Amino acid sequence: MISSKTIGAVGALSLILPGLAAAAPPDGISHGKPARESAVAQRFEAMEQRLLALESGMPRQVSVDCNGDANAFLGTTIRSNTIYTLSGMCN
């Protein structure tokens, strides 16, 4: 018996896959040209790191040291699922 979750997943993939097929290749990889092994390996490694971070659900740790520069935190982009640790007096 097929569950509604399976049907939902298949439906979502049917919407996503056509868009992926039409997408341009990543930088450094061109249509009709063989890809360098190092470029492909580098992209898979980066993708694996992003997937592991998403799957783990662990928040990212960011340390900001305002001891030498009180404005160090001002340029920081606040992101979800991130813990910010500030040291010193920050503006």
N, C-alpha and C. Protein backbone atom coordinates (compact mmCIF):
# COMPACT_ATOMS: atom_id res chain seq x y z
N MET A 1 0.84 -1.17 0.00
CA MET A 1 0.00 0.00 0.00
C MET A 1 0.89 1.25 0.00
N ILE A 2 0.58 2.20 -0.82
CA ILE A 2 1.36 3.44 -0.93
C ILE A 2 0.80 4.45 0.07
N SER A 3 1.69 5.01 0.87
CA SER A 3 1.24 5.97 1.87
C SER A 3 1.16 7.36 1.26
N SER A 4 0.46 8.26 1.95
CA SER A 4 0.34 9.64 1.48
C SER A 4 1.69 10.35 1.51
N LYS A 5 2.60 9.92 2.43
CA LYS A 5 3.94 10.52 2.47
C LYS A 5 4.71 10.19 1.19
N THR A 6 4.56 8.94 0.72
CA THR A 6 5.24 8.53 -0.51
C THR A 6 4.71 9.32 -1.69
N ILE A 7 3.42 9.48 -1.77
CA ILE A 7 2.81 10.24 -2.86
C ILE A 7 3.26 11.69 -2.79
N GLY A 8 3.32 12.26 -1.59
CA GLY A 8 3.77 13.64 -1.43
C GLY A 8 5.21 13.82 -1.86
N ALA A 9 6.06 12.85 -1.52
CA ALA A 9 7.48 12.94 -1.89
C ALA A 9 7.64 12.83 -3.40
N VAL A 10 6.89 11.92 -4.03
CA VAL A 10 6.96 11.77 -5.48
C VAL A 10 6.44 13.03 -6.16
N GLY A 11 5.39 13.60 -5.62
CA GLY A 11 4.86 14.84 -6.19
C GLY A 11 5.84 15.97 -6.08
N ALA A 12 6.52 16.09 -4.95
CA ALA A 12 7.51 17.15 -4.77
C ALA A 12 8.68 16.97 -5.74
N LEU A 13 9.13 15.73 -5.91
CA LEU A 13 10.23 15.47 -6.84
C LEU A 13 9.82 15.78 -8.28
N SER A 14 8.57 15.50 -8.63
CA SER A 14 8.14 15.77 -10.00
C SER A 14 8.11 17.26 -10.29
N LEU A 15 7.97 18.08 -9.25
CA LEU A 15 8.02 19.53 -9.43
C LEU A 15 9.44 20.06 -9.47
N ILE A 16 10.35 19.43 -8.72
CA ILE A 16 11.72 19.91 -8.60
C ILE A 16 12.60 19.44 -9.76
N LEU A 17 12.47 18.19 -10.16
CA LEU A 17 13.38 17.62 -11.16
C LEU A 17 13.39 18.35 -12.50
N PRO A 18 12.25 18.78 -13.06
CA PRO A 18 12.34 19.52 -14.32
C PRO A 18 13.15 20.81 -14.20
N GLY A 19 13.05 21.48 -13.08
CA GLY A 19 13.83 22.70 -12.87
C GLY A 19 15.32 22.42 -12.77
N LEU A 20 15.67 21.29 -12.16
CA LEU A 20 17.08 20.93 -12.06
C LEU A 20 17.66 20.58 -13.42
N ALA A 21 16.88 19.94 -14.26
CA ALA A 21 17.37 19.55 -15.57
C ALA A 21 17.65 20.77 -16.43
N ALA A 22 16.88 21.84 -16.25
CA ALA A 22 17.05 23.04 -17.06
C ALA A 22 18.09 23.99 -16.48
N ALA A 23 18.56 23.72 -15.29
CA ALA A 23 19.50 24.63 -14.62
C ALA A 23 20.85 24.63 -15.34
N ALA A 24 21.51 25.77 -15.28
CA ALA A 24 22.84 25.89 -15.87
C ALA A 24 23.84 25.08 -15.05
N PRO A 25 24.90 24.59 -15.67
CA PRO A 25 25.91 23.85 -14.90
C PRO A 25 26.63 24.77 -13.94
N PRO A 26 27.19 24.24 -12.87
CA PRO A 26 27.92 25.06 -11.90
C PRO A 26 29.16 25.69 -12.53
N ASP A 27 29.69 26.70 -11.89
CA ASP A 27 30.90 27.37 -12.37
C ASP A 27 32.00 26.35 -12.60
N GLY A 28 32.76 26.56 -13.67
CA GLY A 28 33.88 25.67 -13.96
C GLY A 28 33.50 24.41 -14.72
N ILE A 29 32.20 24.18 -14.91
CA ILE A 29 31.74 23.01 -15.65
C ILE A 29 30.88 23.52 -16.79
N SER A 30 31.19 23.12 -18.03
CA SER A 30 30.47 23.61 -19.22
C SER A 30 29.79 22.45 -19.93
N HIS A 31 28.67 22.77 -20.61
CA HIS A 31 27.98 21.77 -21.41
C HIS A 31 28.90 21.30 -22.52
N GLY A 32 28.96 20.01 -22.75
CA GLY A 32 29.72 19.46 -23.85
C GLY A 32 31.20 19.31 -23.60
N LYS A 33 31.69 19.73 -22.46
CA LYS A 33 33.11 19.59 -22.15
C LYS A 33 33.25 18.66 -20.95
N PRO A 34 34.27 17.79 -20.96
CA PRO A 34 34.47 16.92 -19.80
C PRO A 34 34.84 17.75 -18.57
N ALA A 35 34.28 17.37 -17.44
CA ALA A 35 34.57 18.06 -16.18
C ALA A 35 35.85 17.50 -15.58
N ARG A 36 36.63 18.38 -14.99
CA ARG A 36 37.84 17.92 -14.30
C ARG A 36 37.43 17.18 -13.04
N GLU A 37 38.11 16.10 -12.76
CA GLU A 37 37.81 15.29 -11.58
C GLU A 37 37.92 16.12 -10.30
N SER A 38 38.91 16.99 -10.24
CA SER A 38 39.10 17.79 -9.03
C SER A 38 37.93 18.75 -8.82
N ALA A 39 37.39 19.32 -9.90
CA ALA A 39 36.26 20.25 -9.78
C ALA A 39 35.01 19.52 -9.30
N VAL A 40 34.79 18.33 -9.84
CA VAL A 40 33.62 17.54 -9.44
C VAL A 40 33.77 17.10 -7.98
N ALA A 41 34.95 16.62 -7.59
CA ALA A 41 35.18 16.18 -6.21
C ALA A 41 35.00 17.33 -5.23
N GLN A 42 35.48 18.52 -5.61
CA GLN A 42 35.36 19.68 -4.74
C GLN A 42 33.89 20.06 -4.53
N ARG A 43 33.10 19.98 -5.58
CA ARG A 43 31.67 20.31 -5.46
C ARG A 43 30.94 19.28 -4.60
N PHE A 44 31.27 18.00 -4.77
CA PHE A 44 30.62 16.98 -3.95
C PHE A 44 31.01 17.12 -2.48
N GLU A 45 32.26 17.46 -2.22
CA GLU A 45 32.70 17.66 -0.84
C GLU A 45 31.96 18.82 -0.19
N ALA A 46 31.83 19.93 -0.91
CA ALA A 46 31.11 21.08 -0.37
C ALA A 46 29.64 20.75 -0.14
N MET A 47 29.03 20.01 -1.07
CA MET A 47 27.63 19.63 -0.93
C MET A 47 27.45 18.68 0.26
N GLU A 48 28.38 17.76 0.45
CA GLU A 48 28.30 16.83 1.57
C GLU A 48 28.37 17.58 2.90
N GLN A 49 29.25 18.58 3.00
CA GLN A 49 29.37 19.35 4.24
C GLN A 49 28.07 20.11 4.53
N ARG A 50 27.47 20.68 3.49
CA ARG A 50 26.21 21.41 3.70
C ARG A 50 25.10 20.46 4.11
N LEU A 51 25.02 19.29 3.48
CA LEU A 51 23.99 18.32 3.84
C LEU A 51 24.17 17.80 5.26
N LEU A 52 25.40 17.52 5.66
CA LEU A 52 25.64 17.05 7.02
C LEU A 52 25.22 18.11 8.04
N ALA A 53 25.49 19.36 7.75
CA ALA A 53 25.08 20.44 8.66
C ALA A 53 23.56 20.52 8.75
N LEU A 54 22.88 20.36 7.63
CA LEU A 54 21.41 20.40 7.64
C LEU A 54 20.82 19.21 8.37
N GLU A 55 21.38 18.03 8.12
CA GLU A 55 20.85 16.82 8.73
C GLU A 55 21.10 16.77 10.23
N SER A 56 22.21 17.31 10.66
CA SER A 56 22.53 17.24 12.08
C SER A 56 21.62 18.13 12.91
N GLY A 57 21.13 19.20 12.32
CA GLY A 57 20.26 20.12 13.05
C GLY A 57 20.98 20.87 14.14
N MET A 58 22.29 20.71 14.21
CA MET A 58 23.08 21.40 15.23
C MET A 58 23.26 22.85 14.83
N PRO A 59 23.11 23.75 15.78
CA PRO A 59 23.33 25.16 15.44
C PRO A 59 24.80 25.44 15.16
N ARG A 60 25.02 26.39 14.31
CA ARG A 60 26.38 26.82 13.99
C ARG A 60 26.86 27.72 15.11
N GLN A 61 28.13 27.62 15.47
CA GLN A 61 28.74 28.45 16.52
C GLN A 61 29.57 29.55 15.86
N VAL A 62 29.30 30.80 16.22
CA VAL A 62 30.07 31.93 15.71
C VAL A 62 30.59 32.73 16.89
N SER A 63 31.89 32.95 16.93
CA SER A 63 32.50 33.76 17.99
C SER A 63 32.89 35.11 17.41
N VAL A 64 32.54 36.17 18.12
CA VAL A 64 32.88 37.52 17.70
C VAL A 64 33.70 38.16 18.82
N ASP A 65 34.92 38.56 18.50
CA ASP A 65 35.83 39.16 19.47
C ASP A 65 35.82 40.67 19.30
N CYS A 66 35.21 41.37 20.25
CA CYS A 66 35.14 42.83 20.20
C CYS A 66 36.23 43.48 21.06
N ASN A 67 37.15 42.68 21.60
CA ASN A 67 38.22 43.24 22.44
C ASN A 67 39.09 44.20 21.66
N GLY A 68 39.49 43.84 20.46
CA GLY A 68 40.34 44.70 19.65
C GLY A 68 39.57 45.68 18.80
N ASP A 69 38.32 45.33 18.45
CA ASP A 69 37.49 46.17 17.59
C ASP A 69 36.07 46.15 18.11
N ALA A 70 35.63 47.23 18.71
CA ALA A 70 34.29 47.29 19.30
C ALA A 70 33.21 47.18 18.24
N ASN A 71 33.52 47.44 16.98
CA ASN A 71 32.53 47.38 15.90
C ASN A 71 32.52 46.03 15.18
N ALA A 72 33.25 45.05 15.68
CA ALA A 72 33.37 43.75 15.00
C ALA A 72 32.02 43.08 14.78
N PHE A 73 31.09 43.25 15.69
CA PHE A 73 29.79 42.58 15.56
C PHE A 73 28.87 43.30 14.59
N LEU A 74 29.12 44.58 14.31
CA LEU A 74 28.23 45.36 13.45
C LEU A 74 28.10 44.79 12.04
N GLY A 75 29.15 44.21 11.51
CA GLY A 75 29.11 43.65 10.17
C GLY A 75 28.65 42.20 10.11
N THR A 76 28.26 41.63 11.23
CA THR A 76 27.87 40.23 11.28
C THR A 76 26.44 40.05 10.78
N THR A 77 26.24 39.11 9.88
CA THR A 77 24.90 38.79 9.39
C THR A 77 24.28 37.78 10.35
N ILE A 78 23.13 38.13 10.90
CA ILE A 78 22.44 37.26 11.84
C ILE A 78 21.70 36.19 11.05
N ARG A 79 21.97 34.93 11.38
CA ARG A 79 21.35 33.80 10.69
C ARG A 79 20.60 32.93 11.69
N SER A 80 19.59 32.24 11.18
CA SER A 80 18.86 31.31 12.04
C SER A 80 19.72 30.10 12.36
N ASN A 81 19.39 29.41 13.41
CA ASN A 81 20.09 28.20 13.86
C ASN A 81 21.58 28.46 14.08
N THR A 82 21.88 29.64 14.63
CA THR A 82 23.26 30.02 14.89
C THR A 82 23.37 30.59 16.29
N ILE A 83 24.40 30.19 17.01
CA ILE A 83 24.67 30.72 18.35
C ILE A 83 25.85 31.66 18.24
N TYR A 84 25.66 32.90 18.67
CA TYR A 84 26.71 33.92 18.62
C TYR A 84 27.29 34.10 20.02
N THR A 85 28.60 34.00 20.13
CA THR A 85 29.29 34.22 21.40
C THR A 85 30.13 35.49 21.25
N LEU A 86 29.80 36.51 22.06
CA LEU A 86 30.50 37.77 21.98
C LEU A 86 31.47 37.89 23.13
N SER A 87 32.66 38.43 22.85
CA SER A 87 33.62 38.69 23.92
C SER A 87 34.04 40.16 23.81
N GLY A 88 34.23 40.78 24.96
CA GLY A 88 34.57 42.20 24.99
C GLY A 88 33.30 43.05 24.93
N MET A 89 33.50 44.34 24.77
CA MET A 89 32.37 45.29 24.67
C MET A 89 32.09 45.57 23.21
N CYS A 90 30.96 45.10 22.72
CA CYS A 90 30.60 45.27 21.32
C CYS A 90 29.60 46.43 21.16
N ASN A 91 29.76 47.18 20.08
CA ASN A 91 28.78 48.24 19.75
C ASN A 91 27.57 47.63 19.11
